[in-house]
Protein backbone atom coordinates (compact mmCIF):
# COMPACT_ATOMS: atom_id res chain seq x y z
CA UNK A 1 -24.99 -32.10 -26.70
CA UNK A 2 -21.93 -33.90 -25.40
CA UNK A 3 -19.67 -31.52 -27.30
CA UNK A 4 -21.45 -28.45 -25.89
CA UNK A 5 -21.19 -29.87 -22.36
CA UNK A 6 -17.46 -30.40 -22.82
CA UNK A 7 -17.07 -26.83 -24.09
CA UNK A 8 -18.88 -25.43 -21.03
CA UNK A 9 -16.77 -27.52 -18.67
CA UNK A 10 -13.53 -26.50 -20.37
CA UNK A 11 -14.46 -22.79 -20.38
CA UNK A 12 -15.40 -22.72 -16.69
CA UNK A 13 -12.30 -24.76 -15.83
CA UNK A 14 -10.13 -22.26 -17.73
CA UNK A 15 -11.78 -19.42 -15.79
CA UNK A 16 -11.18 -21.09 -12.42
CA UNK A 17 -7.60 -22.04 -13.29
CA UNK A 18 -6.87 -18.53 -14.55
CA UNK A 19 -8.16 -16.93 -11.33
CA UNK A 20 -6.10 -19.29 -9.15
CA UNK A 21 -3.00 -18.80 -11.32
CA UNK A 22 -3.43 -15.03 -11.05
CA UNK A 23 -3.70 -15.36 -7.26
CA UNK A 24 -0.57 -17.52 -7.20
CA UNK A 25 1.35 -15.01 -9.31
CA UNK A 26 0.49 -12.10 -7.04
CA UNK A 27 1.17 -14.05 -3.86
CA UNK A 28 4.67 -14.92 -5.04
CA UNK A 29 5.28 -11.39 -6.32
CA UNK A 30 4.10 -9.86 -3.04
CA UNK A 31 6.43 -12.19 -1.19
CA UNK A 32 9.41 -10.59 -2.94
CA UNK A 33 8.53 -7.15 -1.62
CA UNK A 34 7.84 -8.09 2.00
CA UNK A 35 10.49 -7.46 4.62
CA UNK A 36 8.90 -9.36 7.51
CA UNK A 37 9.89 -13.03 7.43
CA UNK A 38 6.54 -14.29 8.76
CA UNK A 39 4.67 -12.38 6.05
CA UNK A 40 6.98 -13.78 3.39
CA UNK A 41 6.26 -17.32 4.53
CA UNK A 42 2.52 -16.64 4.55
CA UNK A 43 2.59 -15.21 1.02
CA UNK A 44 4.69 -18.11 -0.25
CA UNK A 45 2.25 -20.61 1.27
CA UNK A 46 -0.68 -18.87 -0.40
CA UNK A 47 1.07 -19.05 -3.75
CA UNK A 48 1.75 -22.78 -3.40
CA UNK A 49 -1.86 -23.43 -2.37
CA UNK A 50 -3.19 -21.49 -5.36
CA UNK A 51 -0.95 -23.53 -7.67
CA UNK A 52 -2.08 -26.78 -6.00
CA UNK A 53 -5.74 -25.85 -6.47
CA UNK A 54 -5.04 -25.01 -10.13
CA UNK A 55 -3.47 -28.43 -10.60
CA UNK A 56 -6.49 -30.14 -9.05
CA UNK A 57 -8.73 -28.20 -11.38
CA UNK A 58 -6.80 -29.35 -14.44
CA UNK A 59 -6.74 -32.99 -13.31
CA UNK A 60 -10.48 -33.15 -12.56
CA UNK A 61 -11.33 -31.52 -15.88
CA UNK A 62 -9.14 -33.98 -17.80
CA UNK A 63 -10.74 -36.85 -15.87
CA UNK A 64 -14.16 -35.61 -17.02
CA UNK A 65 -13.07 -35.33 -20.65
CA UNK A 66 -10.83 -38.44 -20.79
CA UNK A 67 -12.15 -40.86 -18.14
CA UNK A 68 -9.85 -43.76 -17.47
CA UNK A 69 -7.72 -45.51 -14.88
CA UNK A 70 -4.92 -42.91 -14.93
CA UNK A 71 -7.00 -39.77 -14.50
CA UNK A 72 -9.43 -41.54 -12.16
CA UNK A 73 -6.61 -42.19 -9.71
CA UNK A 74 -5.01 -38.80 -10.26
CA UNK A 75 -8.38 -37.22 -9.47
CA UNK A 76 -8.11 -38.84 -6.04
CA UNK A 77 -4.44 -38.10 -5.38
CA UNK A 78 -4.49 -34.47 -6.57
CA UNK A 79 -7.18 -33.24 -4.10
CA UNK A 80 -5.45 -35.15 -1.28
CA UNK A 81 -2.15 -33.44 -2.09
CA UNK A 82 -3.84 -30.03 -2.15
CA UNK A 83 -5.59 -30.66 1.18
CA UNK A 84 -2.32 -31.75 2.80
CA UNK A 85 -0.70 -28.55 1.51
CA UNK A 86 -3.57 -26.50 2.94
CA UNK A 87 -3.37 -28.23 6.30
CA UNK A 88 0.39 -27.74 6.47
CA UNK A 89 -0.11 -24.04 5.80
CA UNK A 90 -2.90 -23.84 8.41
CA UNK A 91 -0.59 -25.45 10.95
CA UNK A 92 2.13 -22.90 10.19
CA UNK A 93 -0.40 -20.05 10.34
CA UNK A 94 -1.70 -21.14 13.74
CA UNK A 95 1.85 -21.11 15.11
CA UNK A 96 2.53 -17.72 13.50
CA UNK A 97 -0.70 -16.33 14.95
CA UNK A 98 0.20 -17.61 18.41
CA UNK A 99 3.46 -15.66 18.34
CA UNK A 100 1.48 -12.48 17.68
CA UNK A 101 -0.96 -13.25 20.51
CA UNK A 102 0.05 -11.28 23.64
CA UNK A 103 -1.10 -14.19 25.83
CA UNK A 104 0.54 -16.87 23.63
CA UNK A 105 -2.60 -19.01 23.85
CA UNK A 106 -2.56 -22.51 22.42
CA UNK A 107 -5.80 -22.19 20.44
CA UNK A 108 -7.92 -25.36 20.50
CA UNK A 109 -4.97 -27.15 22.17
CA UNK A 110 -3.38 -27.14 18.75
CA UNK A 111 -0.23 -29.03 19.74
CA UNK A 112 -2.34 -32.11 20.45
CA UNK A 113 -5.23 -31.51 18.08
CA UNK A 114 -3.01 -31.23 15.00
CA UNK A 115 -1.60 -34.74 15.60
CA UNK A 116 -5.07 -36.27 15.85
CA UNK A 117 -6.29 -34.47 12.73
CA UNK A 118 -3.29 -35.39 10.57
CA UNK A 119 -3.55 -39.04 11.67
CA UNK A 120 -7.25 -39.13 10.75
CA UNK A 121 -6.56 -37.42 7.43
CA UNK A 122 -3.78 -39.83 6.46
CA UNK A 123 -5.88 -42.82 7.46
CA UNK A 124 -8.82 -41.58 5.40
CA UNK A 125 -6.56 -40.91 2.42
CA UNK A 126 -5.16 -44.42 2.46
CA UNK A 127 -8.63 -45.96 2.63
CA UNK A 128 -9.92 -43.53 0.01
CA UNK A 129 -7.15 -44.27 -2.44
CA UNK A 130 -7.43 -48.03 -1.97
CA UNK A 131 -11.19 -47.74 -2.35
CA UNK A 132 -10.67 -45.83 -5.58
CA UNK A 133 -8.39 -48.56 -6.89
CA UNK A 134 -11.00 -51.17 -5.97
CA UNK A 135 -13.77 -49.15 -7.62
CA UNK A 136 -15.77 -48.69 -4.41
CA UNK A 137 -15.50 -44.89 -4.34
CA UNK A 138 -18.70 -43.42 -5.70
CA UNK A 139 -22.47 -43.84 -5.42
CA UNK A 140 -22.14 -47.63 -5.16
CA UNK A 141 -19.74 -47.45 -2.24
CA UNK A 142 -21.12 -44.83 0.16
CA UNK A 143 -19.10 -45.96 3.17
CA UNK A 144 -15.80 -45.98 1.30
CA UNK A 145 -16.69 -42.66 -0.30
CA UNK A 146 -17.52 -41.10 3.07
CA UNK A 147 -14.19 -42.24 4.51
CA UNK A 148 -12.35 -41.14 1.37
CA UNK A 149 -13.81 -37.64 1.36
CA UNK A 150 -13.33 -37.20 5.14
CA UNK A 151 -9.73 -35.83 4.80
CA UNK A 152 -11.01 -33.01 2.58
CA UNK A 153 -13.67 -32.06 5.13
CA UNK A 154 -11.16 -32.28 7.97
CA UNK A 155 -8.54 -30.13 6.27
CA UNK A 156 -10.93 -27.44 5.06
CA UNK A 157 -13.11 -27.56 8.18
CA UNK A 158 -10.05 -27.07 10.37
CA UNK A 159 -9.15 -23.93 8.41
CA UNK A 160 -12.70 -22.56 8.61
CA UNK A 161 -12.97 -23.09 12.38
CA UNK A 162 -9.43 -22.45 13.59
CA UNK A 163 -8.12 -19.50 11.57
CA UNK A 164 -10.82 -16.95 12.50
CA UNK A 165 -10.15 -17.59 16.19
CA UNK A 166 -6.38 -17.38 15.71
CA UNK A 167 -6.80 -14.16 13.75
CA UNK A 168 -9.09 -12.67 16.40
CA UNK A 169 -6.57 -13.38 19.15
CA UNK A 170 -3.70 -11.96 17.10
CA UNK A 171 -2.79 -8.31 17.50
CA UNK A 172 -1.31 -8.21 14.01
CA UNK A 173 -3.90 -6.42 11.84
CA UNK A 174 -2.43 -7.54 8.52
CA UNK A 175 -2.21 -11.16 9.64
CA UNK A 176 -5.77 -10.99 10.94
CA UNK A 177 -7.10 -9.80 7.56
CA UNK A 178 -5.03 -12.36 5.72
CA UNK A 179 -6.31 -15.27 7.84
CA UNK A 180 -9.90 -14.06 7.48
CA UNK A 181 -9.70 -14.08 3.69
CA UNK A 182 -8.11 -17.52 3.73
CA UNK A 183 -10.97 -18.69 5.93
CA UNK A 184 -13.39 -17.52 3.22
CA UNK A 185 -11.37 -19.48 0.66
CA UNK A 186 -11.58 -22.67 2.72
CA UNK A 187 -15.31 -22.11 3.28
CA UNK A 188 -16.00 -21.73 -0.44
CA UNK A 189 -14.14 -24.94 -1.29
CA UNK A 190 -15.84 -26.73 1.62
CA UNK A 191 -19.30 -25.72 0.37
CA UNK A 192 -18.48 -26.94 -3.13
CA UNK A 193 -17.23 -30.25 -1.70
CA UNK A 194 -20.51 -30.72 0.14
CA UNK A 195 -22.52 -29.98 -3.02
CA UNK A 196 -20.45 -32.39 -5.10
CA UNK A 197 -20.71 -35.10 -2.46
CA UNK A 198 -24.50 -34.82 -2.50
CA UNK A 199 -24.75 -34.85 -6.32
CA UNK A 200 -22.45 -37.67 -7.41
CA UNK A 201 -24.89 -38.72 -10.14
CA UNK A 202 -24.66 -35.29 -11.80
CA UNK A 203 -20.97 -35.03 -12.81
CA UNK A 204 -21.53 -32.25 -15.35
CA UNK A 205 -23.44 -29.95 -12.99
CA UNK A 206 -21.08 -30.78 -10.12
CA UNK A 207 -18.02 -29.90 -12.16
CA UNK A 208 -19.51 -26.59 -13.28
CA UNK A 209 -20.37 -25.72 -9.69
CA UNK A 210 -16.89 -26.73 -8.62
CA UNK A 211 -15.33 -24.47 -11.26
CA UNK A 212 -17.31 -21.46 -10.03
CA UNK A 213 -16.51 -22.26 -6.41
CA UNK A 214 -12.80 -22.57 -7.18
CA UNK A 215 -12.92 -19.23 -9.01
CA UNK A 216 -14.41 -17.62 -5.89
CA UNK A 217 -11.78 -19.36 -3.77
CA UNK A 218 -9.02 -18.06 -6.04
CA UNK A 219 -10.33 -14.52 -5.59
CA UNK A 220 -10.23 -15.03 -1.81
CA UNK A 221 -6.60 -16.22 -2.05
CA UNK A 222 -5.76 -13.10 -4.05
CA UNK A 223 -7.36 -10.87 -1.40
CA UNK A 224 -5.60 -12.86 1.32
CA UNK A 225 -2.17 -12.22 -0.17
CA UNK A 226 -3.02 -8.56 -0.82
CA UNK A 227 -3.86 -8.18 2.88
CA UNK A 228 -0.16 -8.62 3.70
CA UNK A 229 0.83 -5.51 1.74
CA UNK A 230 1.50 -2.49 4.03
CA UNK A 231 -1.13 0.18 3.40
CA UNK A 232 0.41 3.01 5.40
CA UNK A 233 1.73 5.85 3.25
CA UNK A 234 5.26 7.00 3.88
CA UNK A 235 5.40 10.73 4.48
CA UNK A 236 8.04 12.68 2.51
């Protein structure tokens, strides 16, 4: 039974990693063909995020197969690194969207809000990592776990709430579509995080659900990068 469980986990992890790697490949390829600097930066960011999510997927799968001190700590650091990458990209996207807003509105008072969010995320990451080292992250340490997982909710929740509004206020159609698809990506990963957090005693089922959620998120990243491609035909 244990062998069959491992096979299922590995197969779904390969699927999720393949989808995210495919999204990363296309994002970086699309970047090469874009002339607008802002679009190139957006595509590059999507590629890096897809690679970061793929890395997290590999680390969590290895931690499931080969549990131990090394992979246990990497399974904490890898998601934190990915969330920081996502938040950095969200910050850059909000500023890009503001430049395409005719009224140049500072959505959600972003200049101030971003500082508060990043401070809370870093604080939660420090506590989460130290809690992981002390063995208090998990079902037996609900408070430490809640603080440790808070940066993930903050980073993804910020993307889900902020980017649709920024895209709506933007008059750039391509950027609006791209931010909408990225919002769907963040939402899919956020839902999976909630499910995993509520089923800590079911690591096998949680990991399978995570793999499927990451595969859906990878598809959203692919669609997000594709949204930057000009669709207007050039007349002869």
